[in-house]
Amino acid sequence: MGKDHRYAYLGMPFFFHPEVMPVRKAIAERTEKTVTKDAERFGWESYETSWEKLIERKGIDLIDIAIPNYTHKEKP
């Protein structure tokens, strides 16, 4: 899903006239091995292995959650 969202953001100027464009500041995934590979492959400036750390960062205005719906909310 993350790849689809990436292409959608890149294609925005062809379909809309956005005043601002998203910048790939940071990606978050659970494992260091996977996230470092994906950050480099898809052009992210940095990465985290914890979404909690990501949302605490300064300068992050938008977070795109690209995981299955059932994982969006922590279970009680």
Protein backbone atom coordinates (compact mmCIF):
# COMPACT_ATOMS: atom_id res chain seq x y z
CA MET A 1 0.00 0.00 0.00
CA GLY A 2 2.86 2.37 0.75
CA LYS A 3 4.09 2.10 -2.83
CA ASP A 4 0.65 3.01 -4.14
CA HIS A 5 0.49 6.05 -1.87
CA ARG A 6 3.97 7.13 -2.98
CA TYR A 7 2.96 7.06 -6.64
CA ALA A 8 -0.24 8.94 -5.85
CA TYR A 9 1.72 11.74 -4.16
CA LEU A 10 4.20 11.91 -7.03
CA GLY A 11 1.35 12.13 -9.53
CA MET A 12 -0.56 14.88 -7.74
CA PRO A 13 0.71 17.75 -9.93
CA PHE A 14 -0.53 15.99 -13.07
CA PHE A 15 -4.14 15.89 -11.82
CA PHE A 16 -4.41 18.72 -9.30
CA HIS A 17 -2.76 22.04 -8.57
CA PRO A 18 -1.56 21.56 -4.98
CA GLU A 19 -0.19 24.56 -3.12
CA VAL A 20 2.26 22.29 -1.33
CA MET A 21 3.77 18.90 -2.07
CA PRO A 22 4.49 16.22 0.52
CA VAL A 23 8.15 15.57 1.32
CA ARG A 24 9.28 12.09 2.31
CA LYS A 25 10.85 12.99 5.65
CA ALA A 26 10.64 9.66 7.49
CA ILE A 27 9.33 6.14 7.14
CA ALA A 28 8.46 3.86 10.04
CA GLU A 29 8.53 0.08 10.04
CA ARG A 30 8.97 -2.51 12.76
CA THR A 31 12.38 -3.92 11.89
CA GLU A 32 15.63 -2.05 11.30
CA LYS A 33 16.63 -4.32 8.42
CA THR A 34 13.42 -3.72 6.47
CA VAL A 35 13.08 -0.02 7.18
CA THR A 36 16.65 0.87 6.20
CA LYS A 37 16.25 -1.00 2.92
CA ASP A 38 12.90 0.66 2.15
CA ALA A 39 14.09 4.12 3.19
CA GLU A 40 16.97 3.94 0.73
CA ARG A 41 14.99 2.26 -2.05
CA PHE A 42 12.07 4.71 -1.96
CA GLY A 43 13.92 7.94 -1.20
CA TRP A 44 13.02 8.67 2.43
CA GLU A 45 15.28 11.14 4.27
CA SER A 46 15.25 9.12 7.51
CA TYR A 47 13.50 6.30 9.32
CA GLU A 48 12.18 5.05 12.65
CA THR A 49 11.38 1.61 13.98
CA SER A 50 8.71 3.08 16.25
CA TRP A 51 5.67 5.02 15.10
CA GLU A 52 5.56 6.59 18.57
CA LYS A 53 8.94 8.22 17.95
CA LEU A 54 7.85 9.33 14.50
CA ILE A 55 4.79 11.23 15.71
CA GLU A 56 6.88 13.03 18.34
CA ARG A 57 9.23 14.50 15.72
CA LYS A 58 9.19 18.21 14.98
CA GLY A 59 8.44 19.16 11.39
CA ILE A 60 6.13 16.23 10.66
CA ASP A 61 2.76 17.63 9.56
CA LEU A 62 1.25 14.61 7.81
CA ILE A 63 1.46 10.89 8.50
CA ASP A 64 0.16 8.47 5.90
CA ILE A 65 -0.80 5.17 7.47
CA ALA A 66 -0.27 2.51 4.83
CA ILE A 67 -0.99 -0.67 6.74
CA PRO A 68 -4.04 -2.95 6.87
CA ASN A 69 -7.05 -1.30 8.52
CA TYR A 70 -7.23 -3.80 11.37
CA THR A 71 -3.76 -2.75 12.55
CA HIS A 72 -4.50 0.99 12.78
CA LYS A 73 -5.80 0.86 16.35
CA GLU A 74 -4.12 -0.82 19.27
CA LYS A 75 -6.12 -3.69 20.72
CA PRO A 76 -7.36 -3.27 24.31
